[in-house]
Amino acid sequence: MIVARLIPEAKSLRTALCRNYGISAVLLKKTSDPIQQLFVEKIQEYSKKSKAAGGKLVDVTPDMEKQLQHELDRVARQYGGGAGVDMTKFPTFKFEDPKIDPLA
């Protein structure tokens, strides 16, 4: 009876160990490819710059900021925004019943 209990537990334990080993082997593998290492370094560098920028664009020039603001204003005008309009607020709709002429 004890052996019958241990066999299913051993199978599930073996399956769990195999799955965890497969996942951890990928994570523990060091990058041996120089291109892959360069890619990882650039991602880490961008992450640091992004945190330093505080949620704004990274390595942005004043001309790029001006272009971005121009595009945001254009899109806001196109979709009903403009000066003093809060585009983050859900629009309110007002439906009126049409006036129908009575039949004589």
PDB file of N, CA and C in Angstrom:
ATOM      1  N   MET A   1       0.826  -1.188   0.000  1.00  0.00           N
ATOM      2  CA  MET A   1       0.000   0.000   0.000  1.00  0.00           C
ATOM      3  C   MET A   1       0.875   1.258   0.000  1.00  0.00           C
ATOM      4  N   ILE A   2       1.929   1.233   0.757  1.00  0.00           N
ATOM      5  CA  ILE A   2       2.836   2.382   0.780  1.00  0.00           C
ATOM      6  C   ILE A   2       3.519   2.532  -0.580  1.00  0.00           C
ATOM      7  N   VAL A   3       3.889   1.424  -1.180  1.00  0.00           N
ATOM      8  CA  VAL A   3       4.532   1.455  -2.496  1.00  0.00           C
ATOM      9  C   VAL A   3       3.580   2.028  -3.544  1.00  0.00           C
ATOM     10  N   ALA A   4       2.301   1.685  -3.445  1.00  0.00           N
ATOM     11  CA  ALA A   4       1.313   2.194  -4.397  1.00  0.00           C
ATOM     12  C   ALA A   4       1.170   3.709  -4.279  1.00  0.00           C
ATOM     13  N   ARG A   5       1.346   4.246  -3.089  1.00  0.00           N
ATOM     14  CA  ARG A   5       1.286   5.704  -2.901  1.00  0.00           C
ATOM     15  C   ARG A   5       2.537   6.385  -3.431  1.00  0.00           C
ATOM     16  N   LEU A   6       3.683   5.760  -3.283  1.00  0.00           N
ATOM     17  CA  LEU A   6       4.938   6.386  -3.673  1.00  0.00           C
ATOM     18  C   LEU A   6       5.126   6.436  -5.189  1.00  0.00           C
ATOM     19  N   ILE A   7       4.600   5.485  -5.914  1.00  0.00           N
ATOM     20  CA  ILE A   7       4.807   5.432  -7.368  1.00  0.00           C
ATOM     21  C   ILE A   7       4.168   6.640  -8.070  1.00  0.00           C
ATOM     22  N   PRO A   8       2.901   6.984  -7.813  1.00  0.00           N
ATOM     23  CA  PRO A   8       2.344   8.179  -8.484  1.00  0.00           C
ATOM     24  C   PRO A   8       3.051   9.459  -8.067  1.00  0.00           C
ATOM     25  N   GLU A   9       3.446   9.547  -6.797  1.00  0.00           N
ATOM     26  CA  GLU A   9       4.147  10.746  -6.346  1.00  0.00           C
ATOM     27  C   GLU A   9       5.512  10.849  -6.998  1.00  0.00           C
ATOM     28  N   ALA A  10       6.181   9.719  -7.216  1.00  0.00           N
ATOM     29  CA  ALA A  10       7.488   9.716  -7.860  1.00  0.00           C
ATOM     30  C   ALA A  10       7.369  10.174  -9.314  1.00  0.00           C
ATOM     31  N   LYS A  11       6.304   9.752  -9.988  1.00  0.00           N
ATOM     32  CA  LYS A  11       6.111  10.165 -11.383  1.00  0.00           C
ATOM     33  C   LYS A  11       5.869  11.665 -11.478  1.00  0.00           C
ATOM     34  N   SER A  12       5.033  12.200 -10.599  1.00  0.00           N
ATOM     35  CA  SER A  12       4.759  13.635 -10.651  1.00  0.00           C
ATOM     36  C   SER A  12       5.991  14.436 -10.238  1.00  0.00           C
ATOM     37  N   LEU A  13       6.764  13.906  -9.299  1.00  0.00           N
ATOM     38  CA  LEU A  13       7.999  14.573  -8.889  1.00  0.00           C
ATOM     39  C   LEU A  13       9.001  14.581 -10.030  1.00  0.00           C
ATOM     40  N   ARG A  14       9.102  13.482 -10.731  1.00  0.00           N
ATOM     41  CA  ARG A  14      10.029  13.380 -11.860  1.00  0.00           C
ATOM     42  C   ARG A  14       9.618  14.363 -12.957  1.00  0.00           C
ATOM     43  N   THR A  15       8.323  14.437 -13.232  1.00  0.00           N
ATOM     44  CA  THR A  15       7.829  15.359 -14.255  1.00  0.00           C
ATOM     45  C   THR A  15       8.121  16.804 -13.861  1.00  0.00           C
ATOM     46  N   ALA A  16       7.892  17.144 -12.611  1.00  0.00           N
ATOM     47  CA  ALA A  16       8.146  18.509 -12.152  1.00  0.00           C
ATOM     48  C   ALA A  16       9.628  18.843 -12.235  1.00  0.00           C
ATOM     49  N   LEU A  17      10.489  17.918 -11.862  1.00  0.00           N
ATOM     50  CA  LEU A  17      11.928  18.173 -11.935  1.00  0.00           C
ATOM     51  C   LEU A  17      12.394  18.343 -13.372  1.00  0.00           C
ATOM     52  N   CYS A  18      11.867  17.535 -14.277  1.00  0.00           N
ATOM     53  CA  CYS A  18      12.245  17.659 -15.689  1.00  0.00           C
ATOM     54  C   CYS A  18      11.814  19.014 -16.247  1.00  0.00           C
ATOM     55  N   ARG A  19      10.601  19.436 -15.927  1.00  0.00           N
ATOM     56  CA  ARG A  19      10.107  20.720 -16.431  1.00  0.00           C
ATOM     57  C   ARG A  19      10.924  21.872 -15.852  1.00  0.00           C
ATOM     58  N   ASN A  20      11.178  21.846 -14.563  1.00  0.00           N
ATOM     59  CA  ASN A  20      11.932  22.921 -13.940  1.00  0.00           C
ATOM     60  C   ASN A  20      13.366  22.962 -14.438  1.00  0.00           C
ATOM     61  N   TYR A  21      13.962  21.805 -14.692  1.00  0.00           N
ATOM     62  CA  TYR A  21      15.321  21.768 -15.215  1.00  0.00           C
ATOM     63  C   TYR A  21      15.351  22.367 -16.613  1.00  0.00           C
ATOM     64  N   GLY A  22      14.357  22.053 -17.411  1.00  0.00           N
ATOM     65  CA  GLY A  22      14.307  22.591 -18.768  1.00  0.00           C
ATOM     66  C   GLY A  22      14.194  24.100 -18.779  1.00  0.00           C
ATOM     67  N   ILE A  23      13.423  24.637 -17.883  1.00  0.00           N
ATOM     68  CA  ILE A  23      13.253  26.091 -17.811  1.00  0.00           C
ATOM     69  C   ILE A  23      14.502  26.751 -17.246  1.00  0.00           C
ATOM     70  N   SER A  24      15.044  26.187 -16.171  1.00  0.00           N
ATOM     71  CA  SER A  24      16.202  26.812 -15.529  1.00  0.00           C
ATOM     72  C   SER A  24      17.459  26.680 -16.372  1.00  0.00           C
ATOM     73  N   ALA A  25      17.545  25.669 -17.222  1.00  0.00           N
ATOM     74  CA  ALA A  25      18.719  25.522 -18.069  1.00  0.00           C
ATOM     75  C   ALA A  25      18.829  26.700 -19.036  1.00  0.00           C
ATOM     76  N   VAL A  26      17.697  27.157 -19.539  1.00  0.00           N
ATOM     77  CA  VAL A  26      17.707  28.300 -20.450  1.00  0.00           C
ATOM     78  C   VAL A  26      18.113  29.563 -19.700  1.00  0.00           C
ATOM     79  N   LEU A  27      17.617  29.720 -18.496  1.00  0.00           N
ATOM     80  CA  LEU A  27      17.916  30.916 -17.723  1.00  0.00           C
ATOM     81  C   LEU A  27      19.358  30.960 -17.243  1.00  0.00           C
ATOM     82  N   LEU A  28      19.919  29.805 -16.944  1.00  0.00           N
ATOM     83  CA  LEU A  28      21.276  29.758 -16.425  1.00  0.00           C
ATOM     84  C   LEU A  28      22.337  29.783 -17.514  1.00  0.00           C
ATOM     85  N   LYS A  29      21.932  29.569 -18.724  1.00  0.00           N
ATOM     86  CA  LYS A  29      22.883  29.551 -19.832  1.00  0.00           C
ATOM     87  C   LYS A  29      23.441  30.954 -20.051  1.00  0.00           C
ATOM     88  N   LYS A  30      24.739  31.057 -20.111  1.00  0.00           N
ATOM     89  CA  LYS A  30      25.358  32.357 -20.365  1.00  0.00           C
ATOM     90  C   LYS A  30      25.336  32.624 -21.865  1.00  0.00           C
ATOM     91  N   THR A  31      25.300  33.899 -22.208  1.00  0.00           N
ATOM     92  CA  THR A  31      25.298  34.257 -23.612  1.00  0.00           C
ATOM     93  C   THR A  31      26.703  34.079 -24.166  1.00  0.00           C
ATOM     94  N   SER A  32      26.807  33.229 -25.151  1.00  0.00           N
ATOM     95  CA  SER A  32      28.106  33.003 -25.773  1.00  0.00           C
ATOM     96  C   SER A  32      28.195  33.724 -27.114  1.00  0.00           C
ATOM     97  N   ASP A  33      27.075  34.110 -27.660  1.00  0.00           N
ATOM     98  CA  ASP A  33      27.033  34.804 -28.939  1.00  0.00           C
ATOM     99  C   ASP A  33      27.316  36.292 -28.707  1.00  0.00           C
ATOM    100  N   PRO A  34      28.295  36.884 -29.367  1.00  0.00           N
ATOM    101  CA  PRO A  34      28.604  38.309 -29.138  1.00  0.00           C
ATOM    102  C   PRO A  34      27.479  39.241 -29.587  1.00  0.00           C
ATOM    103  N   ILE A  35      26.755  38.875 -30.629  1.00  0.00           N
ATOM    104  CA  ILE A  35      25.636  39.702 -31.082  1.00  0.00           C
ATOM    105  C   ILE A  35      24.521  39.687 -30.050  1.00  0.00           C
ATOM    106  N   GLN A  36      24.257  38.520 -29.500  1.00  0.00           N
ATOM    107  CA  GLN A  36      23.233  38.404 -28.473  1.00  0.00           C
ATOM    108  C   GLN A  36      23.638  39.191 -27.226  1.00  0.00           C
ATOM    109  N   GLN A  37      24.913  39.124 -26.868  1.00  0.00           N
ATOM    110  CA  GLN A  37      25.406  39.868 -25.703  1.00  0.00           C
ATOM    111  C   GLN A  37      25.270  41.372 -25.930  1.00  0.00           C
ATOM    112  N   LEU A  38      25.582  41.841 -27.132  1.00  0.00           N
ATOM    113  CA  LEU A  38      25.433  43.255 -27.462  1.00  0.00           C
ATOM    114  C   LEU A  38      23.973  43.683 -27.380  1.00  0.00           C
ATOM    115  N   PHE A  39      23.078  42.829 -27.867  1.00  0.00           N
ATOM    116  CA  PHE A  39      21.644  43.110 -27.810  1.00  0.00           C
ATOM    117  C   PHE A  39      21.188  43.248 -26.363  1.00  0.00           C
ATOM    118  N   VAL A  40      21.611  42.338 -25.505  1.00  0.00           N
ATOM    119  CA  VAL A  40      21.227  42.386 -24.091  1.00  0.00           C
ATOM    120  C   VAL A  40      21.772  43.649 -23.436  1.00  0.00           C
ATOM    121  N   GLU A  41      22.999  44.023 -23.757  1.00  0.00           N
ATOM    122  CA  GLU A  41      23.595  45.242 -23.186  1.00  0.00           C
ATOM    123  C   GLU A  41      22.820  46.482 -23.625  1.00  0.00           C
ATOM    124  N   LYS A  42      22.424  46.539 -24.875  1.00  0.00           N
ATOM    125  CA  LYS A  42      21.668  47.691 -25.374  1.00  0.00           C
ATOM    126  C   LYS A  42      20.294  47.786 -24.707  1.00  0.00           C
ATOM    127  N   ILE A  43      19.664  46.655 -24.489  1.00  0.00           N
ATOM    128  CA  ILE A  43      18.370  46.666 -23.799  1.00  0.00           C
ATOM    129  C   ILE A  43      18.538  47.168 -22.369  1.00  0.00           C
ATOM    130  N   GLN A  44      19.575  46.729 -21.690  1.00  0.00           N
ATOM    131  CA  GLN A  44      19.820  47.177 -20.320  1.00  0.00           C
ATOM    132  C   GLN A  44      20.150  48.668 -20.295  1.00  0.00           C
ATOM    133  N   GLU A  45      20.921  49.147 -21.267  1.00  0.00           N
ATOM    134  CA  GLU A  45      21.259  50.570 -21.357  1.00  0.00           C
ATOM    135  C   GLU A  45      19.999  51.404 -21.603  1.00  0.00           C
ATOM    136  N   TYR A  46      19.130  50.940 -22.498  1.00  0.00           N
ATOM    137  CA  TYR A  46      17.888  51.651 -22.780  1.00  0.00           C
ATOM    138  C   TYR A  46      16.987  51.681 -21.552  1.00  0.00           C
ATOM    139  N   SER A  47      16.974  50.593 -20.800  1.00  0.00           N
ATOM    140  CA  SER A  47      16.155  50.539 -19.589  1.00  0.00           C
ATOM    141  C   SER A  47      16.612  51.579 -18.578  1.00  0.00           C
ATOM    142  N   LYS A  48      17.918  51.728 -18.419  1.00  0.00           N
ATOM    143  CA  LYS A  48      18.444  52.745 -17.495  1.00  0.00           C
ATOM    144  C   LYS A  48      18.087  54.145 -17.965  1.00  0.00           C
ATOM    145  N   LYS A  49      18.233  54.405 -19.276  1.00  0.00           N
ATOM    146  CA  LYS A  49      17.903  55.729 -19.817  1.00  0.00           C
ATOM    147  C   LYS A  49      16.409  56.013 -19.684  1.00  0.00           C
ATOM    148  N   SER A  50      15.588  55.008 -19.880  1.00  0.00           N
ATOM    149  CA  SER A  50      14.140  55.177 -19.787  1.00  0.00           C
ATOM    150  C   SER A  50      13.723  55.538 -18.368  1.00  0.00           C
ATOM    151  N   LYS A  51      14.331  54.887 -17.373  1.00  0.00           N
ATOM    152  CA  LYS A  51      14.018  55.204 -15.981  1.00  0.00           C
ATOM    153  C   LYS A  51      14.487  56.610 -15.633  1.00  0.00           C
ATOM    154  N   ALA A  52      15.635  57.022 -16.181  1.00  0.00           N
ATOM    155  CA  ALA A  52      16.160  58.367 -15.907  1.00  0.00           C
ATOM    156  C   ALA A  52      15.295  59.447 -16.559  1.00  0.00           C
ATOM    157  N   ALA A  53      14.683  59.131 -17.704  1.00  0.00           N
ATOM    158  CA  ALA A  53      13.844  60.103 -18.408  1.00  0.00           C
ATOM    159  C   ALA A  53      12.495  60.281 -17.738  1.00  0.00           C
ATOM    160  N   GLY A  54      12.098  59.359 -16.891  1.00  0.00           N
ATOM    161  CA  GLY A  54      10.842  59.495 -16.156  1.00  0.00           C
ATOM    162  C   GLY A  54       9.602  59.292 -17.001  1.00  0.00           C
ATOM    163  N   GLY A  55       9.618  58.370 -17.927  1.00  0.00           N
ATOM    164  CA  GLY A  55       8.436  58.074 -18.723  1.00  0.00           C
ATOM    165  C   GLY A  55       8.325  58.850 -20.017  1.00  0.00           C
ATOM    166  N   LYS A  56       9.261  59.746 -20.273  1.00  0.00           N
ATOM    167  CA  LYS A  56       9.252  60.499 -21.527  1.00  0.00           C
ATOM    168  C   LYS A  56      10.113  59.776 -22.550  1.00  0.00           C
ATOM    169  N   LEU A  57      10.214  60.356 -23.735  1.00  0.00           N
ATOM    170  CA  LEU A  57      11.033  59.761 -24.780  1.00  0.00           C
ATOM    171  C   LEU A  57      12.510  59.766 -24.373  1.00  0.00           C
ATOM    172  N   VAL A  58      13.237  58.752 -24.822  1.00  0.00           N
ATOM    173  CA  VAL A  58      14.656  58.625 -24.509  1.00  0.00           C
ATOM    174  C   VAL A  58      15.474  59.263 -25.623  1.00  0.00           C
ATOM    175  N   ASP A  59      16.509  60.007 -25.263  1.00  0.00           N
ATOM    176  CA  ASP A  59      17.411  60.680 -26.215  1.00  0.00           C
ATOM    177  C   ASP A  59      16.630  61.524 -27.213  1.00  0.00           C
ATOM    178  N   VAL A  60      15.739  62.348 -26.700  1.00  0.00           N
ATOM    179  CA  VAL A  60      14.881  63.163 -27.552  1.00  0.00           C
ATOM    180  C   VAL A  60      15.507  64.541 -27.757  1.00  0.00           C
ATOM    181  N   THR A  61      15.352  65.062 -28.969  1.00  0.00           N
ATOM    182  CA  THR A  61      15.819  66.408 -29.281  1.00  0.00           C
ATOM    183  C   THR A  61      14.628  67.359 -29.218  1.00  0.00           C
ATOM    184  N   PRO A  62      14.884  68.648 -29.099  1.00  0.00           N
ATOM    185  CA  PRO A  62      13.756  69.600 -29.082  1.00  0.00           C
ATOM    186  C   PRO A  62      12.908  69.535 -30.354  1.00  0.00           C
ATOM    187  N   ASP A  63      13.549  69.254 -31.498  1.00  0.00           N
ATOM    188  CA  ASP A  63      12.801  69.129 -32.746  1.00  0.00           C
ATOM    189  C   ASP A  63      11.854  67.928 -32.699  1.00  0.00           C
ATOM    190  N   MET A  64      12.313  66.829 -32.128  1.00  0.00           N
ATOM    191  CA  MET A  64      11.464  65.639 -32.011  1.00  0.00           C
ATOM    192  C   MET A  64      10.290  65.904 -31.070  1.00  0.00           C
ATOM    193  N   GLU A  65      10.514  66.612 -29.970  1.00  0.00           N
ATOM    194  CA  GLU A  65       9.424  66.959 -29.048  1.00  0.00           C
ATOM    195  C   GLU A  65       8.398  67.842 -29.747  1.00  0.00           C
ATOM    196  N   LYS A  66       8.886  68.777 -30.569  1.00  0.00           N
ATOM    197  CA  LYS A  66       7.992  69.671 -31.299  1.00  0.00           C
ATOM    198  C   LYS A  66       7.144  68.873 -32.296  1.00  0.00           C
ATOM    199  N   GLN A  67       7.756  67.926 -33.005  1.00  0.00           N
ATOM    200  CA  GLN A  67       7.022  67.091 -33.950  1.00  0.00           C
ATOM    201  C   GLN A  67       5.987  66.227 -33.234  1.00  0.00           C
ATOM    202  N   LEU A  68       6.362  65.671 -32.082  1.00  0.00           N
ATOM    203  CA  LEU A  68       5.433  64.845 -31.313  1.00  0.00           C
ATOM    204  C   LEU A  68       4.231  65.666 -30.866  1.00  0.00           C
ATOM    205  N   GLN A  69       4.477  66.862 -30.350  1.00  0.00           N
ATOM    206  CA  GLN A  69       3.375  67.710 -29.893  1.00  0.00           C
ATOM    207  C   GLN A  69       2.479  68.105 -31.055  1.00  0.00           C
ATOM    208  N   HIS A  70       3.096  68.371 -32.217  1.00  0.00           N
ATOM    209  CA  HIS A  70       2.304  68.716 -33.409  1.00  0.00           C
ATOM    210  C   HIS A  70       1.392  67.552 -33.802  1.00  0.00           C
ATOM    211  N   GLU A  71       1.916  66.334 -33.790  1.00  0.00           N
ATOM    212  CA  GLU A  71       1.112  65.165 -34.149  1.00  0.00           C
ATOM    213  C   GLU A  71       0.002  64.914 -33.127  1.00  0.00           C
ATOM    214  N   LEU A  72       0.309  65.082 -31.844  1.00  0.00           N
ATOM    215  CA  LEU A  72      -0.713  64.897 -30.813  1.00  0.00           C
ATOM    216  C   LEU A  72      -1.827  65.924 -30.954  1.00  0.00           C
ATOM    217  N   ASP A  73      -1.466  67.168 -31.261  1.00  0.00           N
ATOM    218  CA  ASP A  73      -2.480  68.209 -31.473  1.00  0.00           C
ATOM    219  C   ASP A  73      -3.330  67.909 -32.704  1.00  0.00           C
ATOM    220  N   ARG A  74      -2.686  67.428 -33.772  1.00  0.00           N
ATOM    221  CA  ARG A  74      -3.413  67.101 -35.001  1.00  0.00           C
ATOM    222  C   ARG A  74      -4.420  65.982 -34.764  1.00  0.00           C
ATOM    223  N   VAL A  75      -3.999  64.960 -34.043  1.00  0.00           N
ATOM    224  CA  VAL A  75      -4.905  63.844 -33.754  1.00  0.00           C
ATOM    225  C   VAL A  75      -6.038  64.295 -32.834  1.00  0.00           C
ATOM    226  N   ALA A  76      -5.725  65.153 -31.875  1.00  0.00           N
ATOM    227  CA  ALA A  76      -6.764  65.659 -30.972  1.00  0.00           C
ATOM    228  C   ALA A  76      -7.806  66.462 -31.746  1.00  0.00           C
ATOM    229  N   ARG A  77      -7.367  67.305 -32.674  1.00  0.00           N
ATOM    230  CA  ARG A  77      -8.323  68.079 -33.483  1.00  0.00           C
ATOM    231  C   ARG A  77      -9.153  67.163 -34.370  1.00  0.00           C
ATOM    232  N   GLN A  78      -8.519  66.129 -34.901  1.00  0.00           N
ATOM    233  CA  GLN A  78      -9.208  65.224 -35.808  1.00  0.00           C
ATOM    234  C   GLN A  78     -10.317  64.463 -35.094  1.00  0.00           C
ATOM    235  N   TYR A  79     -10.126  64.162 -33.817  1.00  0.00           N
ATOM    236  CA  TYR A  79     -11.121  63.388 -33.078  1.00  0.00           C
ATOM    237  C   TYR A  79     -11.927  64.233 -32.094  1.00  0.00           C
ATOM    238  N   GLY A  80     -12.041  65.519 -32.361  1.00  0.00           N
ATOM    239  CA  GLY A  80     -12.941  66.365 -31.585  1.00  0.00           C
ATOM    240  C   GLY A  80     -12.292  67.051 -30.403  1.00  0.00           C
ATOM    241  N   GLY A  81     -11.010  67.018 -30.311  1.00  0.00           N
ATOM    242  CA  GLY A  81     -10.322  67.696 -29.220  1.00  0.00           C
ATOM    243  C   GLY A  81      -9.987  69.117 -29.620  1.00  0.00           C
ATOM    244  N   GLY A  82      -9.289  69.783 -28.772  1.00  0.00           N
ATOM    245  CA  GLY A  82      -8.885  71.147 -29.048  1.00  0.00           C
ATOM    246  C   GLY A  82      -8.494  71.807 -27.747  1.00  0.00           C
ATOM    247  N   ALA A  83      -8.438  73.120 -27.780  1.00  0.00           N
ATOM    248  CA  ALA A  83      -8.054  73.868 -26.592  1.00  0.00           C
ATOM    249  C   ALA A  83      -9.122  73.720 -25.513  1.00  0.00           C
ATOM    250  N   GLY A  84      -8.744  73.285 -24.343  1.00  0.00           N
ATOM    251  CA  GLY A  84      -9.654  73.167 -23.218  1.00  0.00           C
ATOM    252  C   GLY A  84     -10.495  71.901 -23.199  1.00  0.00           C
ATOM    253  N   VAL A  85     -10.283  70.983 -24.132  1.00  0.00           N
ATOM    254  CA  VAL A  85     -11.056  69.746 -24.179  1.00  0.00           C
ATOM    255  C   VAL A  85     -10.216  68.634 -23.571  1.00  0.00           C
ATOM    256  N   ASP A  86     -10.792  67.947 -22.597  1.00  0.00           N
ATOM    257  CA  ASP A  86     -10.093  66.845 -21.937  1.00  0.00           C
ATOM    258  C   ASP A  86     -10.337  65.567 -22.733  1.00  0.00           C
ATOM    259  N   MET A  87      -9.311  65.109 -23.449  1.00  0.00           N
ATOM    260  CA  MET A  87      -9.458  63.928 -24.306  1.00  0.00           C
ATOM    261  C   MET A  87      -9.424  62.624 -23.514  1.00  0.00           C
ATOM    262  N   THR A  88      -9.073  62.678 -22.238  1.00  0.00           N
ATOM    263  CA  THR A  88      -9.041  61.459 -21.425  1.00  0.00           C
ATOM    264  C   THR A  88     -10.395  61.165 -20.799  1.00  0.00           C
ATOM    265  N   LYS A  89     -11.317  62.126 -20.852  1.00  0.00           N
ATOM    266  CA  LYS A  89     -12.648  61.956 -20.273  1.00  0.00           C
ATOM    267  C   LYS A  89     -13.560  61.266 -21.280  1.00  0.00           C
ATOM    268  N   PHE A  90     -14.376  60.342 -20.794  1.00  0.00           N
ATOM    269  CA  PHE A  90     -15.319  59.641 -21.670  1.00  0.00           C
ATOM    270  C   PHE A  90     -16.364  60.640 -22.155  1.00  0.00           C
ATOM    271  N   PRO A  91     -16.687  60.619 -23.441  1.00  0.00           N
ATOM    272  CA  PRO A  91     -17.635  61.610 -23.969  1.00  0.00           C
ATOM    273  C   PRO A  91     -19.047  61.384 -23.441  1.00  0.00           C
ATOM    274  N   THR A  92     -19.786  62.469 -23.365  1.00  0.00           N
ATOM    275  CA  THR A  92     -21.193  62.385 -22.966  1.00  0.00           C
ATOM    276  C   THR A  92     -22.044  62.515 -24.229  1.00  0.00           C
ATOM    277  N   PHE A  93     -23.082  61.737 -24.285  1.00  0.00           N
ATOM    278  CA  PHE A  93     -23.968  61.740 -25.439  1.00  0.00           C
ATOM    279  C   PHE A  93     -25.322  62.290 -25.029  1.00  0.00           C
ATOM    280  N   LYS A  94     -25.913  63.044 -25.927  1.00  0.00           N
ATOM    281  CA  LYS A  94     -27.233  63.603 -25.663  1.00  0.00           C
ATOM    282  C   LYS A  94     -28.112  63.259 -26.867  1.00  0.00           C
ATOM    283  N   PHE A  95     -29.080  62.406 -26.620  1.00  0.00           N
ATOM    284  CA  PHE A  95     -29.980  61.972 -27.680  1.00  0.00           C
ATOM    285  C   PHE A  95     -31.328  62.663 -27.495  1.00  0.00           C
ATOM    286  N   GLU A  96     -31.824  63.243 -28.564  1.00  0.00           N
ATOM    287  CA  GLU A  96     -33.111  63.894 -28.522  1.00  0.00           C
ATOM    288  C   GLU A  96     -34.055  63.184 -29.486  1.00  0.00           C
ATOM    289  N   ASP A  97     -35.319  63.098 -29.109  1.00  0.00           N
ATOM    290  CA  ASP A  97     -36.321  62.492 -29.977  1.00  0.00           C
ATOM    291  C   ASP A  97     -36.576  63.429 -31.159  1.00  0.00           C
ATOM    292  N   PRO A  98     -36.666  62.885 -32.340  1.00  0.00           N
ATOM    293  CA  PRO A  98     -36.952  63.739 -33.501  1.00  0.00           C
ATOM    294  C   PRO A  98     -38.396  64.231 -33.453  1.00  0.00           C
ATOM    295  N   LYS A  99     -38.611  65.419 -33.956  1.00  0.00           N
ATOM    296  CA  LYS A  99     -39.968  65.976 -34.010  1.00  0.00           C
ATOM    297  C   LYS A  99     -40.647  65.437 -35.268  1.00  0.00           C
ATOM    298  N   ILE A 100     -41.834  64.891 -35.056  1.00  0.00           N
ATOM    299  CA  ILE A 100     -42.594  64.301 -36.163  1.00  0.00           C
ATOM    300  C   ILE A 100     -43.871  65.101 -36.350  1.00  0.00           C
ATOM    301  N   ASP A 101     -44.147  65.438 -37.582  1.00  0.00           N
ATOM    302  CA  ASP A 101     -45.389  66.166 -37.872  1.00  0.00           C
ATOM    303  C   ASP A 101     -46.547  65.188 -37.754  1.00  0.00           C
ATOM    304  N   PRO A 102     -47.602  65.618 -37.068  1.00  0.00           N
ATOM    305  CA  PRO A 102     -48.773  64.709 -36.949  1.00  0.00           C
ATOM    306  C   PRO A 102     -49.504  64.605 -38.275  1.00  0.00           C
ATOM    307  N   LEU A 103     -50.052  63.449 -38.522  1.00  0.00           N
ATOM    308  CA  LEU A 103     -50.848  63.250 -39.729  1.00  0.00           C
ATOM    309  C   LEU A 103     -52.227  63.855 -39.492  1.00  0.00           C
ATOM    310  N   ALA A 104     -52.774  64.503 -40.465  1.00  0.00           N
ATOM    311  CA  ALA A 104     -54.047  65.198 -40.315  1.00  0.00           C
ATOM    312  C   ALA A 104     -55.143  64.271 -40.095  1.00  0.00           C
TER     313      ALA A 104
END
